[in-house]
Amino acid sequence: MQKLNPRIITISSFLIALNIVLSRFITIPGVINFGGFPIIFGGVVFGPVVGGIVGAIGDIVSFIVKPTGTFMPHFVLTSALTGIIPGVMMKVLKTNLPKFPLWKIFIAIFIGQVITSVLMVPYFRNILFAHPLLVTMSKAAMKQAINIPAYSIIIKTLVEAIARTGLLKIECSR
């Protein structure tokens, strides 16, 4: 397992801040929210531990900065898994950064988003707030039909661009 060094901690802090901004301030509730992107990026690039930390801390700090109702730890778990699952899948698929096929990143994100955004969040919304399960699942699936390919392409492009600049030794980070 990769040790958390000062560089990874600094980048993780940036990803947490980006998560807060994207999930609380640059969003249209129920329509557009890209808060999951920094979490997924952390998991894919730096592994499941960093992805989980970025997701959990980002969710908790987001709630502190701009609360939206009562604090629910269910959603902290979901946010952590949003980073953990793609990170684990990248390891399972034996993906080497910075060069990796787009389909591997797509599969990693697809599995993570289906489990968290399409299954877990609607289920929690159903048991906590009595939101209709099938309606929230279908809305989440439609959003993820756009987000998953977009996240995959953006992450692949960013990783390759960062690797070309030499600013971050990505291959050493996993």
N, C-alpha and C. Protein backbone atom coordinates (compact mmCIF):
# COMPACT_ATOMS: atom_id res chain seq x y z
N MET A 1 0.83 -1.18 0.00
CA MET A 1 0.00 0.00 0.00
C MET A 1 0.88 1.24 0.00
N GLN A 2 0.52 2.21 -0.81
CA GLN A 2 1.25 3.48 -0.93
C GLN A 2 1.07 4.29 0.35
N LYS A 3 2.18 4.79 0.89
CA LYS A 3 2.10 5.65 2.07
C LYS A 3 1.63 7.04 1.65
N LEU A 4 0.92 7.68 2.55
CA LEU A 4 0.47 9.04 2.28
C LEU A 4 1.64 9.99 2.54
N ASN A 5 2.16 10.56 1.48
CA ASN A 5 3.26 11.51 1.62
C ASN A 5 2.70 12.93 1.54
N PRO A 6 3.52 13.94 1.84
CA PRO A 6 3.01 15.32 1.83
C PRO A 6 2.39 15.75 0.50
N ARG A 7 2.93 15.27 -0.60
CA ARG A 7 2.38 15.63 -1.91
C ARG A 7 0.96 15.09 -2.09
N ILE A 8 0.76 13.82 -1.73
CA ILE A 8 -0.57 13.21 -1.86
C ILE A 8 -1.55 13.86 -0.88
N ILE A 9 -1.10 14.19 0.32
CA ILE A 9 -1.97 14.86 1.29
C ILE A 9 -2.40 16.23 0.77
N THR A 10 -1.45 16.96 0.17
CA THR A 10 -1.75 18.29 -0.38
C THR A 10 -2.75 18.19 -1.52
N ILE A 11 -2.53 17.25 -2.43
CA ILE A 11 -3.44 17.08 -3.57
C ILE A 11 -4.81 16.61 -3.06
N SER A 12 -4.83 15.75 -2.07
CA SER A 12 -6.09 15.29 -1.50
C SER A 12 -6.86 16.45 -0.88
N SER A 13 -6.15 17.35 -0.22
CA SER A 13 -6.80 18.54 0.35
C SER A 13 -7.43 19.40 -0.74
N PHE A 14 -6.71 19.54 -1.84
CA PHE A 14 -7.25 20.28 -2.98
C PHE A 14 -8.51 19.59 -3.52
N LEU A 15 -8.47 18.25 -3.63
CA LEU A 15 -9.63 17.51 -4.12
C LEU A 15 -10.82 17.64 -3.17
N ILE A 16 -10.55 17.67 -1.86
CA ILE A 16 -11.63 17.87 -0.89
C ILE A 16 -12.25 19.25 -1.08
N ALA A 17 -11.40 20.28 -1.22
CA ALA A 17 -11.91 21.64 -1.43
C ALA A 17 -12.72 21.72 -2.73
N LEU A 18 -12.22 21.08 -3.77
CA LEU A 18 -12.94 21.06 -5.05
C LEU A 18 -14.28 20.35 -4.92
N ASN A 19 -14.30 19.27 -4.16
CA ASN A 19 -15.55 18.55 -3.89
C ASN A 19 -16.56 19.44 -3.20
N ILE A 20 -16.11 20.21 -2.21
CA ILE A 20 -17.00 21.10 -1.47
C ILE A 20 -17.58 22.16 -2.41
N VAL A 21 -16.74 22.77 -3.20
CA VAL A 21 -17.20 23.82 -4.11
C VAL A 21 -18.17 23.26 -5.14
N LEU A 22 -17.82 22.12 -5.73
CA LEU A 22 -18.67 21.54 -6.77
C LEU A 22 -19.97 20.97 -6.23
N SER A 23 -19.97 20.49 -4.99
CA SER A 23 -21.20 19.88 -4.47
C SER A 23 -22.10 20.85 -3.74
N ARG A 24 -21.56 21.96 -3.25
CA ARG A 24 -22.38 22.89 -2.47
C ARG A 24 -22.63 24.23 -3.14
N PHE A 25 -21.73 24.66 -4.01
CA PHE A 25 -21.85 26.01 -4.55
C PHE A 25 -22.07 26.05 -6.05
N ILE A 26 -21.43 25.19 -6.79
CA ILE A 26 -21.62 25.16 -8.24
C ILE A 26 -22.48 23.95 -8.58
N THR A 27 -23.76 24.10 -8.32
CA THR A 27 -24.68 22.99 -8.50
C THR A 27 -26.11 23.52 -8.68
N ILE A 28 -26.90 22.72 -9.35
CA ILE A 28 -28.33 22.95 -9.41
C ILE A 28 -28.94 21.70 -8.78
N PRO A 29 -29.41 21.79 -7.52
CA PRO A 29 -29.89 20.61 -6.81
C PRO A 29 -30.90 19.80 -7.62
N GLY A 30 -30.65 18.52 -7.71
CA GLY A 30 -31.53 17.62 -8.43
C GLY A 30 -31.30 17.59 -9.93
N VAL A 31 -30.44 18.48 -10.44
CA VAL A 31 -30.20 18.54 -11.88
C VAL A 31 -28.72 18.32 -12.19
N ILE A 32 -27.87 19.23 -11.74
CA ILE A 32 -26.44 19.16 -12.04
C ILE A 32 -25.64 19.19 -10.75
N ASN A 33 -24.77 18.22 -10.57
CA ASN A 33 -23.87 18.18 -9.43
C ASN A 33 -22.65 17.36 -9.82
N PHE A 34 -21.50 18.01 -9.85
CA PHE A 34 -20.26 17.33 -10.21
C PHE A 34 -19.37 17.10 -9.00
N GLY A 35 -19.95 17.10 -7.81
CA GLY A 35 -19.19 16.93 -6.58
C GLY A 35 -18.51 15.57 -6.47
N GLY A 36 -19.03 14.58 -7.16
CA GLY A 36 -18.42 13.25 -7.11
C GLY A 36 -17.13 13.13 -7.92
N PHE A 37 -16.92 14.04 -8.86
CA PHE A 37 -15.75 13.94 -9.73
C PHE A 37 -14.43 13.96 -8.97
N PRO A 38 -14.19 14.93 -8.05
CA PRO A 38 -12.91 14.92 -7.33
C PRO A 38 -12.71 13.66 -6.48
N ILE A 39 -13.80 13.12 -5.96
CA ILE A 39 -13.72 11.91 -5.16
C ILE A 39 -13.28 10.74 -6.04
N ILE A 40 -13.92 10.60 -7.18
CA ILE A 40 -13.58 9.52 -8.12
C ILE A 40 -12.15 9.69 -8.63
N PHE A 41 -11.77 10.92 -8.95
CA PHE A 41 -10.41 11.20 -9.42
C PHE A 41 -9.39 10.76 -8.37
N GLY A 42 -9.64 11.09 -7.10
CA GLY A 42 -8.74 10.68 -6.03
C GLY A 42 -8.62 9.17 -5.93
N GLY A 43 -9.74 8.47 -6.05
CA GLY A 43 -9.70 7.01 -5.98
C GLY A 43 -9.00 6.37 -7.15
N VAL A 44 -9.25 6.88 -8.34
CA VAL A 44 -8.66 6.31 -9.55
C VAL A 44 -7.15 6.57 -9.60
N VAL A 45 -6.74 7.79 -9.30
CA VAL A 45 -5.34 8.16 -9.45
C VAL A 45 -4.48 7.74 -8.25
N PHE A 46 -5.00 7.91 -7.04
CA PHE A 46 -4.18 7.67 -5.85
C PHE A 46 -4.58 6.44 -5.06
N GLY A 47 -5.61 5.74 -5.48
CA GLY A 47 -6.00 4.50 -4.82
C GLY A 47 -7.22 4.65 -3.93
N PRO A 48 -7.75 3.51 -3.47
CA PRO A 48 -9.00 3.51 -2.72
C PRO A 48 -8.93 4.23 -1.37
N VAL A 49 -7.78 4.20 -0.70
CA VAL A 49 -7.68 4.86 0.60
C VAL A 49 -7.85 6.37 0.44
N VAL A 50 -7.13 6.95 -0.51
CA VAL A 50 -7.24 8.39 -0.75
C VAL A 50 -8.64 8.74 -1.23
N GLY A 51 -9.19 7.94 -2.14
CA GLY A 51 -10.55 8.19 -2.62
C GLY A 51 -11.56 8.17 -1.48
N GLY A 52 -11.43 7.21 -0.57
CA GLY A 52 -12.34 7.13 0.57
C GLY A 52 -12.20 8.32 1.51
N ILE A 53 -10.95 8.73 1.75
CA ILE A 53 -10.70 9.88 2.63
C ILE A 53 -11.27 11.15 2.01
N VAL A 54 -11.00 11.36 0.72
CA VAL A 54 -11.52 12.55 0.04
C VAL A 54 -13.04 12.56 0.10
N GLY A 55 -13.67 11.42 -0.14
CA GLY A 55 -15.14 11.35 -0.11
C GLY A 55 -15.71 11.61 1.27
N ALA A 56 -15.18 10.96 2.29
CA ALA A 56 -15.72 11.10 3.64
C ALA A 56 -15.49 12.50 4.20
N ILE A 57 -14.25 12.98 4.12
CA ILE A 57 -13.95 14.31 4.66
C ILE A 57 -14.69 15.38 3.85
N GLY A 58 -14.72 15.22 2.55
CA GLY A 58 -15.43 16.19 1.71
C GLY A 58 -16.90 16.28 2.08
N ASP A 59 -17.54 15.16 2.34
CA ASP A 59 -18.96 15.16 2.69
C ASP A 59 -19.19 15.82 4.06
N ILE A 60 -18.35 15.48 5.02
CA ILE A 60 -18.51 16.05 6.36
C ILE A 60 -18.27 17.56 6.34
N VAL A 61 -17.18 18.00 5.70
CA VAL A 61 -16.88 19.44 5.66
C VAL A 61 -17.94 20.18 4.84
N SER A 62 -18.43 19.57 3.76
CA SER A 62 -19.50 20.19 2.97
C SER A 62 -20.71 20.47 3.84
N PHE A 63 -21.04 19.51 4.69
CA PHE A 63 -22.19 19.69 5.57
C PHE A 63 -21.93 20.81 6.58
N ILE A 64 -20.71 20.88 7.11
CA ILE A 64 -20.38 21.93 8.07
C ILE A 64 -20.44 23.31 7.41
N VAL A 65 -19.90 23.41 6.18
CA VAL A 65 -19.85 24.69 5.48
C VAL A 65 -21.23 25.16 5.06
N LYS A 66 -22.03 24.26 4.51
CA LYS A 66 -23.36 24.62 4.02
C LYS A 66 -24.31 23.45 4.26
N PRO A 67 -24.89 23.38 5.46
CA PRO A 67 -25.79 22.26 5.79
C PRO A 67 -27.03 22.23 4.89
N THR A 68 -27.43 21.04 4.53
CA THR A 68 -28.67 20.86 3.77
C THR A 68 -29.52 19.83 4.50
N GLY A 69 -30.18 20.27 5.55
CA GLY A 69 -30.99 19.36 6.35
C GLY A 69 -30.20 18.78 7.49
N THR A 70 -30.67 17.64 7.98
CA THR A 70 -30.04 16.95 9.09
C THR A 70 -28.85 16.14 8.60
N PHE A 71 -27.80 16.07 9.41
CA PHE A 71 -26.62 15.27 9.05
C PHE A 71 -26.99 13.80 9.06
N MET A 72 -26.66 13.10 7.98
CA MET A 72 -26.94 11.68 7.84
C MET A 72 -25.64 10.94 7.53
N PRO A 73 -25.16 10.11 8.45
CA PRO A 73 -23.90 9.39 8.19
C PRO A 73 -24.00 8.40 7.03
N HIS A 74 -25.21 8.04 6.65
CA HIS A 74 -25.40 7.14 5.51
C HIS A 74 -24.73 7.71 4.26
N PHE A 75 -24.85 9.03 4.10
CA PHE A 75 -24.32 9.67 2.90
C PHE A 75 -22.81 9.88 2.98
N VAL A 76 -22.26 9.91 4.20
CA VAL A 76 -20.79 9.92 4.35
C VAL A 76 -20.24 8.59 3.84
N LEU A 77 -20.89 7.50 4.20
CA LEU A 77 -20.49 6.18 3.72
C LEU A 77 -20.56 6.12 2.20
N THR A 78 -21.64 6.63 1.65
CA THR A 78 -21.80 6.63 0.19
C THR A 78 -20.70 7.45 -0.48
N SER A 79 -20.38 8.61 0.08
CA SER A 79 -19.33 9.45 -0.49
C SER A 79 -17.97 8.76 -0.41
N ALA A 80 -17.69 8.11 0.70
CA ALA A 80 -16.43 7.39 0.83
C ALA A 80 -16.35 6.26 -0.21
N LEU A 81 -17.43 5.52 -0.36
CA LEU A 81 -17.45 4.42 -1.33
C LEU A 81 -17.35 4.93 -2.78
N THR A 82 -17.77 6.17 -3.01
CA THR A 82 -17.65 6.76 -4.34
C THR A 82 -16.18 6.83 -4.76
N GLY A 83 -15.28 7.01 -3.81
CA GLY A 83 -13.85 7.00 -4.12
C GLY A 83 -13.19 5.64 -3.96
N ILE A 84 -13.68 4.86 -3.02
CA ILE A 84 -13.07 3.55 -2.74
C ILE A 84 -13.30 2.57 -3.88
N ILE A 85 -14.53 2.45 -4.35
CA ILE A 85 -14.86 1.43 -5.35
C ILE A 85 -14.09 1.61 -6.66
N PRO A 86 -14.04 2.80 -7.26
CA PRO A 86 -13.24 2.94 -8.49
C PRO A 86 -11.75 2.66 -8.24
N GLY A 87 -11.25 3.06 -7.06
CA GLY A 87 -9.85 2.77 -6.74
C GLY A 87 -9.57 1.28 -6.66
N VAL A 88 -10.47 0.55 -6.03
CA VAL A 88 -10.33 -0.91 -5.95
C VAL A 88 -10.44 -1.53 -7.34
N MET A 89 -11.40 -1.06 -8.12
CA MET A 89 -11.59 -1.60 -9.47
C MET A 89 -10.36 -1.36 -10.35
N MET A 90 -9.71 -0.22 -10.20
CA MET A 90 -8.49 0.05 -10.98
C MET A 90 -7.40 -0.97 -10.63
N LYS A 91 -7.34 -1.35 -9.36
CA LYS A 91 -6.37 -2.38 -8.95
C LYS A 91 -6.77 -3.76 -9.48
N VAL A 92 -8.07 -4.08 -9.39
CA VAL A 92 -8.56 -5.37 -9.88
C VAL A 92 -8.32 -5.51 -11.39
N LEU A 93 -8.54 -4.42 -12.12
CA LEU A 93 -8.34 -4.43 -13.57
C LEU A 93 -6.87 -4.29 -13.97
N LYS A 94 -5.99 -4.21 -12.96
CA LYS A 94 -4.54 -4.10 -13.19
C LYS A 94 -4.22 -2.96 -14.15
N THR A 95 -4.70 -1.80 -13.78
CA THR A 95 -4.53 -0.63 -14.61
C THR A 95 -3.30 0.15 -14.17
N ASN A 96 -2.41 0.39 -15.10
CA ASN A 96 -1.20 1.16 -14.81
C ASN A 96 -1.35 2.58 -15.33
N LEU A 97 -1.16 3.52 -14.43
CA LEU A 97 -1.21 4.91 -14.81
C LEU A 97 0.17 5.34 -15.27
N PRO A 98 0.30 6.27 -16.15
CA PRO A 98 -0.71 7.15 -16.70
C PRO A 98 -1.36 6.60 -17.96
N LYS A 99 -0.85 5.54 -18.54
CA LYS A 99 -1.45 5.03 -19.77
C LYS A 99 -2.36 3.85 -19.43
N PHE A 100 -3.61 4.01 -19.75
CA PHE A 100 -4.58 2.95 -19.51
C PHE A 100 -5.71 3.09 -20.50
N PRO A 101 -6.33 1.98 -20.87
CA PRO A 101 -7.44 2.05 -21.82
C PRO A 101 -8.65 2.76 -21.20
N LEU A 102 -9.36 3.50 -22.02
CA LEU A 102 -10.54 4.22 -21.56
C LEU A 102 -11.59 3.27 -21.00
N TRP A 103 -11.69 2.07 -21.57
CA TRP A 103 -12.73 1.16 -21.11
C TRP A 103 -12.50 0.73 -19.66
N LYS A 104 -11.24 0.66 -19.22
CA LYS A 104 -10.98 0.26 -17.83
C LYS A 104 -11.45 1.34 -16.86
N ILE A 105 -11.17 2.58 -17.19
CA ILE A 105 -11.63 3.67 -16.32
C ILE A 105 -13.16 3.74 -16.34
N PHE A 106 -13.75 3.51 -17.50
CA PHE A 106 -15.20 3.51 -17.63
C PHE A 106 -15.81 2.42 -16.74
N ILE A 107 -15.27 1.22 -16.80
CA ILE A 107 -15.78 0.10 -15.99
C ILE A 107 -15.65 0.41 -14.49
N ALA A 108 -14.49 0.94 -14.09
CA ALA A 108 -14.26 1.26 -12.68
C ALA A 108 -15.27 2.29 -12.17
N ILE A 109 -15.47 3.34 -12.96
CA ILE A 109 -16.42 4.38 -12.56
C ILE A 109 -17.85 3.86 -12.64
N PHE A 110 -18.16 3.09 -13.68
CA PHE A 110 -19.51 2.54 -13.85
C PHE A 110 -19.91 1.71 -12.64
N ILE A 111 -19.06 0.79 -12.22
CA ILE A 111 -19.39 -0.07 -11.08
C ILE A 111 -19.57 0.76 -9.82
N GLY A 112 -18.66 1.70 -9.60
CA GLY A 112 -18.77 2.55 -8.41
C GLY A 112 -20.02 3.39 -8.40
N GLN A 113 -20.34 4.02 -9.52
CA GLN A 113 -21.51 4.90 -9.57
C GLN A 113 -22.83 4.13 -9.52
N VAL A 114 -22.87 2.96 -10.12
CA VAL A 114 -24.10 2.16 -10.03
C VAL A 114 -24.35 1.76 -8.58
N ILE A 115 -23.30 1.31 -7.89
CA ILE A 115 -23.47 0.89 -6.50
C ILE A 115 -23.85 2.07 -5.61
N THR A 116 -23.14 3.19 -5.76
CA THR A 116 -23.38 4.31 -4.84
C THR A 116 -24.54 5.19 -5.28
N SER A 117 -24.46 5.77 -6.47
CA SER A 117 -25.44 6.77 -6.89
C SER A 117 -26.78 6.19 -7.33
N VAL A 118 -26.74 5.02 -7.95
CA VAL A 118 -27.98 4.45 -8.49
C VAL A 118 -28.67 3.52 -7.49
N LEU A 119 -27.90 2.85 -6.64
CA LEU A 119 -28.51 1.92 -5.69
C LEU A 119 -28.56 2.46 -4.26
N MET A 120 -27.40 2.85 -3.72
CA MET A 120 -27.35 3.22 -2.30
C MET A 120 -28.08 4.53 -1.97
N VAL A 121 -27.80 5.58 -2.72
CA VAL A 121 -28.42 6.88 -2.41
C VAL A 121 -29.95 6.80 -2.52
N PRO A 122 -30.50 6.26 -3.61
CA PRO A 122 -31.97 6.14 -3.64
C PRO A 122 -32.53 5.26 -2.51
N TYR A 123 -31.81 4.19 -2.17
CA TYR A 123 -32.27 3.34 -1.07
C TYR A 123 -32.30 4.12 0.24
N PHE A 124 -31.21 4.85 0.54
CA PHE A 124 -31.17 5.65 1.76
C PHE A 124 -32.24 6.74 1.75
N ARG A 125 -32.44 7.37 0.60
CA ARG A 125 -33.49 8.40 0.50
C ARG A 125 -34.87 7.78 0.74
N ASN A 126 -35.03 6.54 0.30
CA ASN A 126 -36.30 5.85 0.51
C ASN A 126 -36.54 5.52 1.98
N ILE A 127 -35.54 4.94 2.64
CA ILE A 127 -35.75 4.55 4.04
C ILE A 127 -35.75 5.75 4.99
N LEU A 128 -35.00 6.81 4.64
CA LEU A 128 -34.92 7.97 5.53
C LEU A 128 -36.03 8.99 5.29
N PHE A 129 -36.38 9.21 4.02
CA PHE A 129 -37.31 10.29 3.69
C PHE A 129 -38.55 9.82 2.95
N ALA A 130 -38.70 8.52 2.74
CA ALA A 130 -39.84 7.93 2.04
C ALA A 130 -39.94 8.39 0.58
N HIS A 131 -38.80 8.71 -0.05
CA HIS A 131 -38.82 9.03 -1.48
C HIS A 131 -39.05 7.75 -2.26
N PRO A 132 -39.85 7.80 -3.31
CA PRO A 132 -40.13 6.58 -4.08
C PRO A 132 -38.85 6.00 -4.69
N LEU A 133 -38.60 4.74 -4.37
CA LEU A 133 -37.34 4.10 -4.74
C LEU A 133 -37.13 4.04 -6.25
N LEU A 134 -38.11 3.55 -6.99
CA LEU A 134 -37.92 3.39 -8.43
C LEU A 134 -37.77 4.73 -9.15
N VAL A 135 -38.47 5.74 -8.68
CA VAL A 135 -38.35 7.07 -9.30
C VAL A 135 -36.96 7.63 -9.08
N THR A 136 -36.46 7.57 -7.84
CA THR A 136 -35.14 8.13 -7.57
C THR A 136 -34.03 7.30 -8.23
N MET A 137 -34.24 5.99 -8.31
CA MET A 137 -33.24 5.15 -9.01
C MET A 137 -33.19 5.47 -10.50
N SER A 138 -34.34 5.65 -11.11
CA SER A 138 -34.34 5.93 -12.55
C SER A 138 -33.76 7.30 -12.85
N LYS A 139 -34.05 8.31 -12.01
CA LYS A 139 -33.44 9.63 -12.19
C LYS A 139 -31.93 9.56 -12.03
N ALA A 140 -31.48 8.83 -11.02
CA ALA A 140 -30.04 8.68 -10.80
C ALA A 140 -29.38 7.96 -11.97
N ALA A 141 -30.04 6.94 -12.50
CA ALA A 141 -29.48 6.21 -13.64
C ALA A 141 -29.35 7.11 -14.87
N MET A 142 -30.33 7.97 -15.08
CA MET A 142 -30.26 8.89 -16.22
C MET A 142 -29.11 9.88 -16.06
N LYS A 143 -28.91 10.39 -14.86
CA LYS A 143 -27.79 11.31 -14.61
C LYS A 143 -26.46 10.60 -14.82
N GLN A 144 -26.37 9.37 -14.34
CA GLN A 144 -25.11 8.64 -14.46
C GLN A 144 -24.82 8.21 -15.90
N ALA A 145 -25.84 8.11 -16.71
CA ALA A 145 -25.63 7.80 -18.13
C ALA A 145 -24.83 8.92 -18.80
N ILE A 146 -24.91 10.11 -18.25
CA ILE A 146 -24.12 11.24 -18.76
C ILE A 146 -22.82 11.37 -17.99
N ASN A 147 -22.90 11.28 -16.66
CA ASN A 147 -21.72 11.50 -15.82
C ASN A 147 -20.62 10.47 -16.03
N ILE A 148 -20.95 9.20 -16.12
CA ILE A 148 -19.93 8.16 -16.20
C ILE A 148 -19.04 8.32 -17.43
N PRO A 149 -19.60 8.44 -18.65
CA PRO A 149 -18.71 8.66 -19.80
C PRO A 149 -17.94 9.98 -19.69
N ALA A 150 -18.60 11.03 -19.19
CA ALA A 150 -17.92 12.33 -19.06
C ALA A 150 -16.76 12.23 -18.07
N TYR A 151 -17.00 11.65 -16.90
CA TYR A 151 -15.95 11.48 -15.90
C TYR A 151 -14.80 10.64 -16.47
N SER A 152 -15.13 9.59 -17.18
CA SER A 152 -14.10 8.71 -17.74
C SER A 152 -13.18 9.46 -18.70
N ILE A 153 -13.78 10.20 -19.60
CA ILE A 153 -13.00 10.95 -20.60
C ILE A 153 -12.17 12.04 -19.93
N ILE A 154 -12.77 12.76 -19.00
CA ILE A 154 -12.06 13.85 -18.33
C ILE A 154 -10.89 13.30 -17.51
N ILE A 155 -11.11 12.22 -16.77
CA ILE A 155 -10.03 11.66 -15.95
C ILE A 155 -8.90 11.16 -16.84
N LYS A 156 -9.22 10.45 -17.91
CA LYS A 156 -8.17 9.96 -18.81
C LYS A 156 -7.38 11.13 -19.39
N THR A 157 -8.08 12.17 -19.83
CA THR A 157 -7.42 13.33 -20.41
C THR A 157 -6.53 14.04 -19.38
N LEU A 158 -7.05 14.24 -18.17
CA LEU A 158 -6.28 14.91 -17.12
C LEU A 158 -5.03 14.12 -16.73
N VAL A 159 -5.19 12.82 -16.55
CA VAL A 159 -4.05 11.99 -16.15
C VAL A 159 -2.97 12.02 -17.21
N GLU A 160 -3.35 11.89 -18.47
CA GLU A 160 -2.35 11.93 -19.54
C GLU A 160 -1.69 13.30 -19.63
N ALA A 161 -2.46 14.38 -19.46
CA ALA A 161 -1.89 15.73 -19.52
C ALA A 161 -0.93 15.97 -18.35
N ILE A 162 -1.32 15.54 -17.17
CA ILE A 162 -0.46 15.72 -15.99
C ILE A 162 0.82 14.90 -16.15
N ALA A 163 0.70 13.70 -16.69
CA ALA A 163 1.88 12.85 -16.90
C ALA A 163 2.84 13.48 -17.90
N ARG A 164 2.30 14.11 -18.95
CA ARG A 164 3.16 14.76 -19.96
C ARG A 164 3.93 15.93 -19.38
N THR A 165 3.32 16.66 -18.45
CA THR A 165 4.00 17.82 -17.88
C THR A 165 5.11 17.40 -16.92
N GLY A 166 4.99 16.22 -16.36
CA GLY A 166 5.99 15.76 -15.40
C GLY A 166 5.83 16.38 -14.02
N LEU A 167 4.76 17.12 -13.80
CA LEU A 167 4.55 17.76 -12.51
C LEU A 167 4.22 16.76 -11.41
N LEU A 168 3.63 15.66 -11.79
CA LEU A 168 3.21 14.67 -10.81
C LEU A 168 3.58 13.29 -11.32
N LYS A 169 4.31 12.56 -10.52
CA LYS A 169 4.68 11.21 -10.92
C LYS A 169 3.54 10.29 -10.56
N ILE A 170 2.59 10.20 -11.46
CA ILE A 170 1.36 9.44 -11.20
C ILE A 170 1.66 7.95 -11.06
N GLU A 171 2.58 7.44 -11.87
CA GLU A 171 2.83 6.01 -11.82
C GLU A 171 3.35 5.58 -10.45
N CYS A 172 3.92 6.51 -9.68
CA CYS A 172 4.43 6.18 -8.35
C CYS A 172 3.37 6.33 -7.27
N SER A 173 2.24 6.90 -7.63
CA SER A 173 1.24 7.24 -6.62
C SER A 173 0.30 6.10 -6.30
N ARG A 174 0.21 5.08 -7.09
CA ARG A 174 -0.75 4.01 -6.86
C ARG A 174 -0.16 2.90 -6.08
